N, C-alpha and C. Protein backbone atom coordinates (compact mmCIF):
# COMPACT_ATOMS: atom_id res chain seq x y z
N MET A 1 -15.76 67.93 4.66
CA MET A 1 -15.12 68.90 3.99
C MET A 1 -14.22 69.71 5.03
N ARG A 2 -14.50 69.86 6.00
CA ARG A 2 -13.94 70.82 6.96
C ARG A 2 -12.80 70.06 7.56
N ASN A 3 -13.07 68.39 7.78
CA ASN A 3 -11.85 67.67 8.02
C ASN A 3 -10.76 67.36 6.58
N ILE A 4 -11.50 67.49 5.51
CA ILE A 4 -10.22 67.28 4.46
C ILE A 4 -9.36 68.68 4.24
N TYR A 5 -10.09 69.75 4.93
CA TYR A 5 -9.56 71.09 4.59
C TYR A 5 -8.25 71.10 5.86
N LYS A 6 -8.54 70.42 7.16
CA LYS A 6 -7.72 70.33 8.29
C LYS A 6 -6.40 69.41 7.62
N ILE A 7 -6.51 68.41 7.02
CA ILE A 7 -5.68 67.31 6.56
C ILE A 7 -4.86 68.12 5.58
N LEU A 8 -5.35 68.96 4.70
CA LEU A 8 -4.59 69.28 3.82
C LEU A 8 -3.76 70.50 4.53
N LEU A 9 -4.31 71.10 5.18
CA LEU A 9 -3.55 72.10 5.73
C LEU A 9 -2.10 71.76 6.65
N THR A 10 -2.61 70.38 7.35
CA THR A 10 -1.30 70.01 8.25
C THR A 10 -0.18 69.42 7.31
N ALA A 11 -0.99 68.50 5.98
CA ALA A 11 0.37 68.03 5.24
C ALA A 11 1.13 69.20 4.79
N THR A 12 0.40 70.65 4.49
CA THR A 12 1.08 71.55 3.78
C THR A 12 2.34 72.19 4.83
N LEU A 13 1.70 72.21 6.10
CA LEU A 13 2.91 72.61 6.97
C LEU A 13 3.81 71.54 7.16
N ALA A 14 3.23 70.29 7.49
CA ALA A 14 4.44 69.08 7.26
C ALA A 14 5.81 69.43 6.12
N PHE A 15 5.22 69.55 5.10
CA PHE A 15 6.06 69.67 3.79
C PHE A 15 6.77 71.07 4.24
N ALA A 16 6.34 72.21 4.53
CA ALA A 16 7.05 73.26 4.61
C ALA A 16 8.16 72.91 5.56
N PHE A 17 7.79 72.32 6.48
CA PHE A 17 9.00 71.98 7.73
C PHE A 17 10.27 71.21 7.05
N ILE A 18 9.73 70.14 5.84
CA ILE A 18 10.58 69.17 5.35
C ILE A 18 11.78 70.34 4.75
N PHE A 19 11.00 71.04 3.62
CA PHE A 19 12.20 71.50 2.77
C PHE A 19 12.60 72.80 2.76
N ASN A 20 12.30 73.06 4.09
CA ASN A 20 13.33 74.39 4.92
C ASN A 20 14.24 74.03 5.61
N ALA A 21 14.62 72.56 5.58
CA ALA A 21 15.51 71.97 6.73
C ALA A 21 16.89 72.18 5.73
N ALA A 22 16.77 72.39 4.63
CA ALA A 22 18.31 72.25 4.09
C ALA A 22 18.06 73.46 2.66
N ASN A 23 19.28 73.89 2.52
CA ASN A 23 19.25 75.50 1.85
C ASN A 23 20.56 75.72 0.98
N ALA A 24 20.43 75.55 -0.35
CA ALA A 24 21.88 75.82 -0.98
C ALA A 24 21.93 76.85 -1.96
N GLU A 25 22.87 77.54 -2.01
CA GLU A 25 23.08 78.52 -3.11
C GLU A 25 24.49 78.53 -3.50
N LYS A 26 24.08 78.42 -5.16
CA LYS A 26 24.97 78.23 -5.90
C LYS A 26 25.46 79.32 -6.86
N THR A 27 26.98 79.87 -6.99
CA THR A 27 26.85 80.71 -7.98
C THR A 27 27.78 80.36 -8.94
N ASN A 28 27.29 80.49 -10.08
CA ASN A 28 28.77 79.68 -11.20
C ASN A 28 29.24 80.69 -12.20
N TRP A 29 30.29 80.86 -12.73
CA TRP A 29 30.79 81.60 -13.59
C TRP A 29 31.68 81.04 -14.48
N GLU A 30 31.53 81.29 -15.91
CA GLU A 30 32.66 80.69 -16.71
C GLU A 30 32.63 81.68 -17.99
N ASP A 31 34.03 81.63 -18.48
CA ASP A 31 34.56 82.37 -19.11
C ASP A 31 33.81 81.51 -20.94
N LYS A 32 32.87 81.97 -21.41
CA LYS A 32 32.21 81.29 -22.63
C LYS A 32 33.05 80.88 -23.70
N THR A 33 33.98 81.81 -23.60
CA THR A 33 35.22 81.75 -24.80
C THR A 33 36.37 80.57 -24.87
N TYR A 34 36.40 80.23 -23.27
CA TYR A 34 37.49 79.13 -23.04
C TYR A 34 37.11 77.82 -23.44
N ASN A 35 38.13 76.99 -24.11
CA ASN A 35 37.89 75.49 -24.64
C ASN A 35 38.60 74.54 -23.43
N PHE A 36 37.52 73.99 -22.82
CA PHE A 36 37.91 73.00 -21.41
C PHE A 36 38.46 72.02 -22.24
N LYS A 37 37.62 71.52 -23.18
CA LYS A 37 38.17 70.40 -23.62
C LYS A 37 39.37 69.87 -24.15
N LYS A 38 40.36 71.20 -24.47
CA LYS A 38 41.80 71.10 -24.58
C LYS A 38 42.81 70.45 -23.44
N ALA A 39 42.02 71.08 -22.22
CA ALA A 39 42.55 71.01 -20.91
C ALA A 39 43.13 69.37 -20.60
N GLN A 40 44.44 69.11 -20.26
CA GLN A 40 44.59 67.78 -19.87
C GLN A 40 45.28 68.00 -18.60
N LYS A 41 46.14 68.80 -18.12
CA LYS A 41 46.96 68.55 -16.97
C LYS A 41 46.07 69.77 -16.15
N VAL A 42 46.13 69.65 -14.65
CA VAL A 42 45.51 70.52 -14.01
C VAL A 42 46.24 70.45 -12.47
N ILE A 43 46.42 71.46 -12.40
CA ILE A 43 47.29 71.52 -10.79
C ILE A 43 46.03 71.87 -9.95
N VAL A 44 46.08 71.16 -8.91
CA VAL A 44 45.03 71.55 -7.68
C VAL A 44 45.69 71.51 -6.52
N TYR A 45 45.34 72.80 -5.97
CA TYR A 45 45.88 73.47 -4.87
C TYR A 45 45.54 72.77 -3.82
N GLY A 46 45.54 72.58 -2.40
CA GLY A 46 44.77 72.25 -1.37
C GLY A 46 43.81 73.65 -0.83
N PHE A 47 42.71 73.34 -0.24
CA PHE A 47 42.03 74.49 0.19
C PHE A 47 42.69 75.55 1.22
N VAL A 48 42.14 76.75 1.05
CA VAL A 48 42.86 77.51 2.08
C VAL A 48 41.60 77.68 3.48
N ASN A 49 41.85 78.01 4.18
CA ASN A 49 40.59 78.07 5.60
C ASN A 49 40.46 79.66 5.67
N ARG A 50 39.76 80.04 5.08
CA ARG A 50 39.45 81.85 5.55
C ARG A 50 38.50 82.13 6.31
N ASP A 51 38.22 80.90 7.76
CA ASP A 51 37.33 81.23 8.63
C ASP A 51 38.03 80.69 9.97
N GLU A 52 39.39 81.06 10.33
CA GLU A 52 39.88 80.85 11.20
C GLU A 52 39.22 81.02 12.99
N LYS A 53 38.56 82.32 12.51
CA LYS A 53 37.90 82.76 13.91
C LYS A 53 36.76 81.41 14.38
N GLU A 54 36.15 81.00 13.52
CA GLU A 54 35.12 79.98 14.04
C GLU A 54 35.43 78.55 13.75
N PHE A 55 36.47 78.42 12.87
CA PHE A 55 37.30 77.04 12.61
C PHE A 55 38.29 76.90 13.00
N ASN A 56 39.13 76.49 13.95
CA ASN A 56 40.28 76.10 14.36
C ASN A 56 40.59 74.65 14.88
N ASP A 57 39.62 73.75 14.62
CA ASP A 57 39.83 72.53 14.97
C ASP A 57 40.65 71.81 14.17
N ASP A 58 42.08 71.56 14.20
CA ASP A 58 43.15 71.00 13.51
C ASP A 58 42.90 69.50 13.29
N VAL A 59 42.05 68.84 13.86
CA VAL A 59 42.07 67.11 13.78
C VAL A 59 41.09 67.22 12.42
N MET A 60 39.92 68.01 12.49
CA MET A 60 38.84 68.13 11.72
C MET A 60 39.44 68.48 10.16
N LEU A 61 40.28 69.61 10.25
CA LEU A 61 41.03 70.34 9.26
C LEU A 61 41.51 69.39 8.65
N GLU A 62 42.28 68.21 9.19
CA GLU A 62 43.15 67.06 8.38
C GLU A 62 42.35 65.98 7.89
N VAL A 63 40.83 65.84 8.40
CA VAL A 63 40.15 65.04 7.83
C VAL A 63 39.51 65.76 6.69
N LEU A 64 39.08 66.98 6.62
CA LEU A 64 38.87 67.56 5.59
C LEU A 64 39.52 67.52 4.48
N LYS A 65 41.06 67.87 4.47
CA LYS A 65 42.13 67.62 3.54
C LYS A 65 42.08 66.30 2.98
N GLU A 66 41.97 65.41 3.53
CA GLU A 66 42.01 63.88 3.31
C GLU A 66 40.50 63.86 2.40
N GLU A 67 39.52 64.15 2.62
CA GLU A 67 38.09 64.51 1.89
C GLU A 67 38.15 65.38 0.22
N TYR A 68 38.89 66.35 0.46
CA TYR A 68 39.13 67.52 -0.75
C TYR A 68 39.96 66.30 -1.51
N TRP A 69 40.91 66.00 -0.93
CA TRP A 69 42.13 65.10 -2.27
C TRP A 69 41.27 63.99 -2.98
N LYS A 70 40.56 63.39 -1.72
CA LYS A 70 40.11 62.08 -2.11
C LYS A 70 38.90 62.60 -3.35
N GLN A 71 37.95 63.35 -3.17
CA GLN A 71 37.26 63.81 -4.22
C GLN A 71 37.90 64.29 -5.61
N ALA A 72 38.95 65.04 -5.47
CA ALA A 72 39.68 65.62 -6.36
C ALA A 72 40.49 64.76 -7.39
N LYS A 73 40.75 63.72 -6.91
CA LYS A 73 41.33 62.31 -7.50
C LYS A 73 40.29 61.48 -8.39
N ASN A 74 39.33 61.69 -7.56
CA ASN A 74 37.90 60.77 -8.14
C ASN A 74 37.32 60.43 -9.31
N PHE A 75 38.05 62.02 -10.29
CA PHE A 75 37.50 61.91 -11.74
C PHE A 75 39.04 61.86 -12.55
N LYS A 76 38.49 61.19 -13.79
CA LYS A 76 39.36 60.54 -14.75
C LYS A 76 39.48 61.75 -15.77
N ASN A 77 39.05 62.72 -16.18
CA ASN A 77 39.05 63.29 -17.51
C ASN A 77 40.26 64.37 -17.42
N TYR A 78 41.13 64.53 -16.32
CA TYR A 78 41.93 65.25 -16.22
C TYR A 78 43.25 64.74 -15.45
N THR A 79 44.39 65.03 -15.82
CA THR A 79 45.70 64.35 -14.94
C THR A 79 45.93 65.56 -13.96
N LEU A 80 45.81 64.98 -12.73
CA LEU A 80 46.05 65.60 -11.50
C LEU A 80 47.65 65.80 -11.14
N ILE A 81 47.83 67.40 -10.79
CA ILE A 81 48.83 67.57 -9.92
C ILE A 81 48.74 67.95 -9.12
N GLU A 82 49.36 67.49 -7.88
CA GLU A 82 49.07 68.40 -6.44
C GLU A 82 49.92 69.71 -6.18
N GLY A 83 49.24 70.68 -6.23
CA GLY A 83 49.99 71.97 -6.14
C GLY A 83 50.63 72.16 -4.80
N VAL A 84 52.03 72.72 -4.89
CA VAL A 84 52.74 72.99 -3.50
C VAL A 84 52.52 74.38 -2.78
N GLY A 85 52.27 74.40 -1.76
CA GLY A 85 52.04 75.81 -1.02
C GLY A 85 50.59 76.57 -1.76
N THR A 86 50.82 77.84 -2.03
CA THR A 86 49.32 78.54 -2.46
C THR A 86 49.98 79.42 -3.37
N PRO A 87 49.65 79.44 -4.60
CA PRO A 87 49.94 80.43 -5.85
C PRO A 87 49.68 81.38 -6.02
N GLU A 88 50.27 82.54 -6.52
CA GLU A 88 49.86 84.01 -6.36
C GLU A 88 48.52 83.95 -7.55
N VAL A 89 47.63 84.08 -6.94
CA VAL A 89 45.88 84.20 -7.99
C VAL A 89 46.47 85.19 -8.93
N GLY A 90 46.25 84.87 -10.28
CA GLY A 90 45.85 85.54 -11.39
C GLY A 90 47.53 85.57 -12.01
N LYS A 91 48.43 84.98 -11.65
CA LYS A 91 49.75 84.92 -12.40
C LYS A 91 49.98 83.20 -12.92
N PRO A 92 50.49 83.12 -14.17
CA PRO A 92 50.89 81.90 -14.84
C PRO A 92 51.34 81.46 -14.04
N VAL A 93 51.09 79.78 -14.20
CA VAL A 93 51.85 78.62 -13.49
C VAL A 93 52.39 77.52 -14.32
N GLU A 94 53.74 77.59 -14.28
CA GLU A 94 54.04 76.28 -15.35
C GLU A 94 53.93 75.13 -15.04
N GLY A 95 53.36 74.23 -16.13
CA GLY A 95 53.61 72.72 -16.18
C GLY A 95 51.96 71.76 -15.98
N ALA A 96 51.20 72.64 -16.36
CA ALA A 96 49.86 72.65 -16.73
C ALA A 96 48.85 73.36 -17.63
N ASP A 97 47.37 72.91 -17.82
CA ASP A 97 46.75 73.96 -18.66
C ASP A 97 46.08 74.85 -17.72
N LEU A 98 45.79 74.11 -16.42
CA LEU A 98 44.53 74.86 -15.62
C LEU A 98 45.27 74.70 -13.96
N TYR A 99 44.82 75.54 -13.45
CA TYR A 99 45.36 75.27 -12.12
C TYR A 99 43.97 75.92 -11.17
N ILE A 100 43.63 75.14 -9.72
CA ILE A 100 42.39 75.54 -9.25
C ILE A 100 42.97 75.88 -7.82
N VAL A 101 42.29 77.06 -7.20
CA VAL A 101 42.75 77.63 -6.10
C VAL A 101 41.26 77.19 -5.22
N SER A 102 41.05 76.89 -4.07
CA SER A 102 39.68 76.61 -3.18
C SER A 102 39.96 77.43 -1.79
N ASP A 103 38.81 77.79 -1.64
CA ASP A 103 38.89 78.41 -0.33
C ASP A 103 37.62 78.43 0.41
N LEU A 104 37.69 77.89 1.73
CA LEU A 104 36.78 77.27 2.72
C LEU A 104 36.39 79.05 3.51
N LEU A 105 35.33 79.23 3.16
CA LEU A 105 34.87 80.83 3.62
C LEU A 105 34.19 80.97 4.91
N ASP A 106 33.45 79.89 4.98
CA ASP A 106 32.48 80.21 6.13
C ASP A 106 32.16 78.60 6.57
N TRP A 107 32.34 78.23 7.92
CA TRP A 107 32.03 77.07 8.78
C TRP A 107 31.28 77.53 10.03
N HIS A 108 29.80 77.41 10.27
CA HIS A 108 29.34 77.93 11.10
C HIS A 108 27.99 77.28 11.97
N ASP A 109 27.98 77.31 12.98
CA ASP A 109 26.99 76.70 13.91
C ASP A 109 26.05 78.11 14.57
N ASP A 110 24.61 77.82 14.48
CA ASP A 110 24.16 78.91 14.64
C ASP A 110 22.67 77.92 15.48
N GLN A 111 21.26 78.99 15.95
CA GLN A 111 20.25 78.07 16.22
C GLN A 111 19.37 79.21 16.30
N TYR A 112 17.99 78.82 16.08
CA TYR A 112 16.85 79.46 15.93
C TYR A 112 15.66 78.66 16.59
N THR A 113 14.50 79.29 17.02
CA THR A 113 13.72 78.75 17.62
C THR A 113 12.55 78.87 16.59
N ARG A 114 11.59 77.43 16.37
CA ARG A 114 11.21 77.20 15.17
C ARG A 114 9.53 77.39 16.01
N PRO A 115 8.82 78.25 15.56
CA PRO A 115 7.33 78.49 16.38
C PRO A 115 6.53 77.50 16.58
N GLY A 116 5.81 77.20 17.66
CA GLY A 116 4.71 76.19 17.90
C GLY A 116 3.74 76.33 16.90
N TYR A 117 3.00 75.26 16.82
CA TYR A 117 1.86 74.97 15.75
C TYR A 117 1.10 73.89 15.94
N THR A 118 -0.18 74.12 15.42
CA THR A 118 -1.18 73.00 15.84
C THR A 118 -1.57 72.00 14.19
N SER A 119 -1.51 70.85 14.47
CA SER A 119 -1.77 70.05 13.56
C SER A 119 -3.07 69.22 13.97
N TRP A 120 -3.81 68.79 13.07
CA TRP A 120 -4.97 67.75 13.04
C TRP A 120 -4.72 66.52 12.85
N GLU A 121 -4.89 65.61 13.45
CA GLU A 121 -4.76 64.36 13.56
C GLU A 121 -5.85 63.45 13.60
N THR A 122 -5.99 62.03 13.03
CA THR A 122 -7.22 61.39 13.20
C THR A 122 -7.20 60.26 14.29
N ARG A 123 -8.26 60.22 14.54
CA ARG A 123 -8.08 59.24 15.84
C ARG A 123 -9.39 58.18 15.44
N ARG A 124 -9.38 56.63 15.95
CA ARG A 124 -9.93 55.84 15.44
C ARG A 124 -10.72 55.39 16.80
N ASN A 125 -11.95 55.41 16.70
CA ASN A 125 -12.67 54.69 17.90
C ASN A 125 -13.59 53.91 17.42
N THR A 126 -14.14 53.29 18.43
CA THR A 126 -15.29 52.19 18.30
C THR A 126 -16.34 52.69 19.38
N ARG A 127 -17.65 52.25 18.85
CA ARG A 127 -18.98 52.69 19.70
C ARG A 127 -19.71 51.54 19.58
N LYS A 128 -20.53 51.34 20.44
CA LYS A 128 -21.70 50.39 20.34
C LYS A 128 -23.02 50.61 19.70
N VAL A 129 -23.55 50.18 18.77
CA VAL A 129 -24.86 50.47 18.08
C VAL A 129 -25.79 49.37 18.66
N ARG A 130 -26.89 50.14 18.87
CA ARG A 130 -27.74 49.12 19.15
C ARG A 130 -29.09 49.07 18.35
N LEU A 131 -29.46 47.63 18.30
CA LEU A 131 -30.35 47.66 17.01
C LEU A 131 -31.75 47.61 17.59
N PRO A 132 -32.95 47.68 16.79
CA PRO A 132 -34.34 47.37 17.40
C PRO A 132 -34.78 46.32 18.43
N ASP A 133 -33.91 45.03 17.62
CA ASP A 133 -34.32 43.78 18.40
C ASP A 133 -33.42 43.79 19.70
N GLY A 134 -32.98 44.78 20.04
CA GLY A 134 -32.20 44.22 21.08
C GLY A 134 -30.63 44.14 21.32
N SER A 135 -30.21 43.48 20.16
CA SER A 135 -28.85 43.21 19.91
C SER A 135 -27.98 44.51 19.37
N SER A 136 -26.55 44.33 19.58
CA SER A 136 -25.42 45.26 19.06
C SER A 136 -24.43 44.79 18.87
N TYR A 137 -23.70 45.70 18.14
CA TYR A 137 -22.55 45.70 17.11
C TYR A 137 -21.55 47.02 17.51
N ASP A 138 -20.32 46.68 17.16
CA ASP A 138 -19.16 47.48 17.47
C ASP A 138 -19.02 48.27 16.16
N GLU A 139 -19.23 49.87 16.01
CA GLU A 139 -19.06 50.47 14.92
C GLU A 139 -17.77 51.36 15.10
N GLU A 140 -16.95 51.20 13.87
CA GLU A 140 -15.81 52.00 13.79
C GLU A 140 -16.01 53.71 13.29
N TYR A 141 -15.08 54.36 14.10
CA TYR A 141 -15.72 55.69 13.37
C TYR A 141 -14.35 56.67 13.72
N THR A 142 -14.05 57.56 12.81
CA THR A 142 -12.54 58.62 13.11
C THR A 142 -13.27 59.91 13.17
N THR A 143 -12.45 60.87 14.22
CA THR A 143 -12.77 62.20 14.39
C THR A 143 -11.12 62.75 14.37
N SER A 144 -11.15 63.96 14.16
CA SER A 144 -9.80 64.81 13.90
C SER A 144 -9.65 65.75 15.27
N VAL A 145 -8.83 65.42 15.66
CA VAL A 145 -8.39 66.20 16.98
C VAL A 145 -7.11 67.16 16.80
N PRO A 146 -6.97 68.56 17.73
CA PRO A 146 -6.14 69.22 17.23
C PRO A 146 -4.81 68.71 18.17
N VAL A 147 -3.72 69.09 17.58
CA VAL A 147 -2.39 68.53 18.45
C VAL A 147 -1.65 69.61 18.60
N HIS A 148 -1.23 70.25 20.07
CA HIS A 148 -0.23 71.04 19.61
C HIS A 148 0.80 70.88 19.82
N HIS A 149 2.02 71.43 18.93
CA HIS A 149 3.34 71.42 18.90
C HIS A 149 3.99 72.60 19.51
N PRO A 150 4.66 72.27 20.65
CA PRO A 150 5.44 73.48 21.10
C PRO A 150 6.43 74.22 20.49
N PRO A 151 6.91 75.09 20.69
CA PRO A 151 7.79 75.51 20.00
C PRO A 151 9.18 74.97 20.56
N TYR A 152 10.54 74.71 19.72
CA TYR A 152 11.39 74.16 20.05
C TYR A 152 12.81 74.51 19.29
N THR A 153 13.82 74.48 19.85
CA THR A 153 15.20 74.98 18.95
C THR A 153 15.67 74.11 18.06
N VAL A 154 15.97 74.80 16.87
CA VAL A 154 16.53 74.25 15.47
C VAL A 154 18.16 74.33 15.65
N TYR A 155 18.82 73.61 15.61
CA TYR A 155 20.22 73.69 15.33
C TYR A 155 20.51 73.84 14.01
N THR A 156 21.64 74.66 13.50
CA THR A 156 21.92 74.83 12.09
C THR A 156 23.49 74.51 11.78
N SER A 157 23.72 74.20 10.47
CA SER A 157 25.27 74.32 10.11
C SER A 157 25.07 74.79 8.99
N THR A 158 26.05 75.94 8.90
CA THR A 158 26.54 76.54 7.72
C THR A 158 28.02 76.17 6.75
N VAL A 159 28.41 76.16 5.77
CA VAL A 159 29.51 75.40 5.01
C VAL A 159 29.80 76.51 3.78
N ARG A 160 30.56 77.33 3.49
CA ARG A 160 30.48 77.97 2.07
C ARG A 160 31.92 77.85 1.65
N MET A 161 32.02 77.29 0.22
CA MET A 161 33.23 77.45 -0.49
C MET A 161 33.44 78.05 -1.77
N ARG A 162 34.34 78.52 -1.91
CA ARG A 162 34.94 79.19 -3.18
C ARG A 162 35.77 78.51 -4.21
N PHE A 163 35.41 78.23 -5.41
CA PHE A 163 36.19 77.58 -6.33
C PHE A 163 36.86 78.32 -7.34
N SER A 164 38.11 78.62 -7.60
CA SER A 164 38.40 79.22 -8.89
C SER A 164 39.37 78.74 -9.84
N VAL A 165 39.18 78.50 -11.05
CA VAL A 165 40.25 77.88 -12.09
C VAL A 165 40.46 78.73 -13.09
N PHE A 166 41.86 78.97 -12.73
CA PHE A 166 42.73 79.63 -13.59
C PHE A 166 43.47 78.99 -14.76
N ASP A 167 43.82 79.89 -16.17
CA ASP A 167 44.20 79.19 -17.21
C ASP A 167 45.64 79.29 -16.66
N ALA A 168 46.57 78.42 -16.53
CA ALA A 168 47.68 78.41 -16.29
C ALA A 168 48.75 78.90 -16.86
N LYS A 169 48.56 79.25 -18.46
CA LYS A 169 49.58 80.25 -19.24
C LYS A 169 49.38 81.58 -18.94
N THR A 170 47.93 81.91 -18.64
CA THR A 170 47.69 83.14 -18.76
C THR A 170 47.62 83.76 -17.26
N GLY A 171 47.17 82.66 -16.64
CA GLY A 171 46.64 83.44 -15.28
C GLY A 171 45.41 83.99 -15.36
N LYS A 172 44.63 83.86 -16.03
CA LYS A 172 43.48 84.62 -16.46
C LYS A 172 42.37 83.58 -15.95
N ARG A 173 41.39 83.92 -14.81
CA ARG A 173 40.26 83.28 -14.26
C ARG A 173 39.27 82.47 -15.80
N VAL A 174 39.11 81.77 -15.49
CA VAL A 174 38.04 80.96 -16.66
C VAL A 174 36.83 80.26 -15.83
N LEU A 175 36.78 80.06 -14.99
CA LEU A 175 35.57 79.43 -14.16
C LEU A 175 35.87 79.64 -12.59
N ALA A 176 34.42 79.44 -12.12
CA ALA A 176 34.59 79.80 -10.71
C ALA A 176 33.22 79.35 -9.83
N ARG A 177 33.00 79.09 -8.91
CA ARG A 177 31.96 78.76 -8.22
C ARG A 177 32.16 79.34 -6.93
N ASP A 178 30.91 79.81 -6.12
CA ASP A 178 30.59 80.03 -4.98
C ASP A 178 29.41 79.26 -4.40
N ASP A 179 29.72 78.33 -3.14
CA ASP A 179 28.93 77.29 -3.06
C ASP A 179 28.55 77.55 -1.42
N ASN A 180 27.20 77.68 -1.00
CA ASN A 180 27.07 78.31 0.35
C ASN A 180 25.71 77.37 0.69
N ARG A 181 25.74 76.62 1.53
CA ARG A 181 24.91 75.80 1.95
C ARG A 181 24.58 75.90 3.64
N ASP A 182 23.09 75.54 3.80
CA ASP A 182 22.70 75.59 5.48
C ASP A 182 22.16 74.32 5.22
N ARG A 183 21.79 73.97 6.91
CA ARG A 183 21.19 72.95 7.11
C ARG A 183 20.65 72.49 8.61
N ASP A 184 19.25 72.36 8.80
CA ASP A 184 19.03 72.21 10.12
C ASP A 184 19.53 70.84 10.45
N ASP A 185 20.66 70.83 11.27
CA ASP A 185 21.25 70.00 12.09
C ASP A 185 22.44 70.37 12.94
N LYS A 186 22.79 69.65 13.88
CA LYS A 186 23.92 70.07 14.59
C LYS A 186 25.06 69.67 14.27
N LYS A 187 26.62 70.22 14.09
CA LYS A 187 27.58 69.94 13.54
C LYS A 187 27.68 68.68 12.54
N ALA A 188 26.96 69.30 11.49
CA ALA A 188 26.71 68.59 10.07
C ALA A 188 27.54 68.93 9.06
N GLN A 189 28.59 69.79 9.16
CA GLN A 189 29.63 70.70 8.11
C GLN A 189 30.50 69.30 7.59
N LYS A 190 31.03 68.13 8.31
CA LYS A 190 31.58 67.72 7.76
C LYS A 190 30.97 67.14 6.42
N GLY A 191 29.75 66.27 6.38
CA GLY A 191 28.86 65.79 5.39
C GLY A 191 28.91 66.89 4.33
N MET A 192 28.40 68.09 4.75
CA MET A 192 28.15 69.01 4.02
C MET A 192 29.45 69.55 3.18
N PHE A 193 30.81 69.58 3.64
CA PHE A 193 31.93 69.91 2.94
C PHE A 193 32.11 68.76 1.88
N GLY A 194 32.02 67.58 2.16
CA GLY A 194 32.29 66.77 1.08
C GLY A 194 31.39 66.51 -0.17
N ARG A 195 29.82 66.90 0.19
CA ARG A 195 29.06 67.15 -0.80
C ARG A 195 29.31 68.51 -1.89
N ILE A 196 29.86 69.44 -1.23
CA ILE A 196 30.33 70.59 -1.82
C ILE A 196 31.40 70.38 -2.96
N VAL A 197 32.67 69.56 -2.25
CA VAL A 197 33.75 69.34 -3.17
C VAL A 197 33.44 68.70 -4.05
N HIS A 198 32.70 67.39 -3.74
CA HIS A 198 32.34 66.62 -4.86
C HIS A 198 31.56 66.80 -5.90
N SER A 199 30.65 67.84 -5.63
CA SER A 199 29.80 68.61 -6.50
C SER A 199 30.45 69.44 -7.46
N PHE A 200 31.71 70.29 -7.22
CA PHE A 200 32.46 70.99 -7.90
C PHE A 200 33.11 69.95 -8.69
N PHE A 201 34.08 69.20 -8.16
CA PHE A 201 34.81 68.23 -8.87
C PHE A 201 34.22 67.36 -9.95
N GLU A 202 33.01 67.07 -9.77
CA GLU A 202 32.34 66.05 -10.73
C GLU A 202 31.77 67.25 -11.83
N ASP A 203 31.22 68.28 -11.56
CA ASP A 203 30.99 69.31 -12.52
C ASP A 203 32.44 69.48 -13.34
N PHE A 204 33.36 69.68 -12.60
CA PHE A 204 34.83 70.10 -13.69
C PHE A 204 35.28 69.29 -14.83
N ASN A 205 34.77 67.96 -13.81
CA ASN A 205 35.45 66.79 -14.69
C ASN A 205 34.53 66.55 -15.96
N ASP A 206 33.39 67.20 -15.67
CA ASP A 206 32.43 66.97 -16.99
C ASP A 206 32.70 67.78 -18.29
N LYS A 207 33.23 69.10 -17.53
CA LYS A 207 33.33 70.14 -18.35
C LYS A 207 34.50 69.69 -19.64
N LEU A 208 35.33 68.76 -18.96
CA LEU A 208 36.49 68.57 -19.48
C LEU A 208 36.47 67.10 -20.53
N SER A 209 35.57 66.82 -20.24
CA SER A 209 34.98 65.78 -21.32
C SER A 209 35.12 66.02 -22.51
N LYS A 210 35.85 64.70 -23.20
CA LYS A 210 36.49 64.83 -24.70
C LYS A 210 35.43 64.54 -25.81
N GLU A 211 34.25 63.63 -24.94
CA GLU A 211 33.22 63.16 -25.64
C GLU A 211 32.05 64.26 -26.47
């Protein structure tokens, strides 16, 4: 029974470390009175980097722009019009039903120390068992041994984006999302950015579905 308890404790710790490896906080808001299904033409503006203090890599910025537009153009429930410049938020815009403004709010690298811990591992061994007639045979048996895992440094990546959708005729905001993601990984923001943008435009596309 004691060995079973040790094994369960080790498994619990292992799963805790796995599920703490990534975290996503997604906040959504929408105007419940707005009929999104009537929208056909959507002006999408390029995202604005609001975290120039930490993110000032011109090459990576161009890579992210390509990924942003690839995801925005990947869905078919709306006709996409590429916006020029940055609109005056909250003001009407001609030529579309909706317009989308996106902001990169946070692009952050950090680290923390994960404390050491002890796990129990099973070891297989053999031993000689001698019989009364003088013969012997090899018997296999198992033991549980403590294994110490020392503290170590974990690098983290953070990306946060905000998407706002406005009715083009009135300038009223009708949909918004704030997506903040953390991951225990070094320099992982590029992939995280792609998943954040894909998630938004996929959900936005579904909202405009006429079916």
